[in-house]
Amino acid sequence: MRYPVLRFGGSILYSRTTKDVEKAATELLQCLKAKKNEAGIMPGKAAVMQICCDTSFCHIMHIIDSGIPPSLQFLLEDSSISKVGVAVGGDAVKIFKDYNVPVKAVEDISYLANQKLGRGCQKWSLASLTEELVCKEVCI
C-alpha cells in the first residue's frame, strides 16, 4: 500500500567541514537548551549524522570528513539532552566505536511504539513507523 508522501517542511542544513559541523553543533546546543528550558550497526565508519532540534530545521553533518568537533561531542555526551530516534541505540554504539565518543541519554522510540501498538518486538525503521502511525511515506 502506498501512502501520501510526508515531506520535511523545514530547512536541511548540510555540513561537511570541521568548521561547519562545529557551527551546526553549537547552533543545535543553543536550540536544544532553549527547548529544554521551555518544557543496527552498519559496516564502515559512520559518515553522516542527522540531528533535528524541532520540525523547523534539521542538520545533516558529514562527520566522516569533519570528525566530531568539541561542541558536537559535548552535545552527544550531555546526558541532560535526550537523543531520540528509531534504532538510535545502534547509532550510539557505532559513534562510540568509530569516534570514541559516548552518546548519552539515548531513547529508542521503537520500544514505545511496540508497547502502544501492542506489538511484540517488531523492528522499526523511521519509514515503517511513520507509515504505520501517520499513513505517510517519508521522503527527504
Foldseek 3Di string as FASTA:
>chain_A
DAFAADEQPAEEAEAEALVRLLVVLVVLVVLQVVVVVPPAADPDADQWDWDDSDSHYIYIYGCVRHPQDDSNLCQQQDQVGADEEAVVVNVQVRCCVRRVRHGHNYDHCQVVLCVVVVHDNDRDHPQRSCCVPPVHGYDD
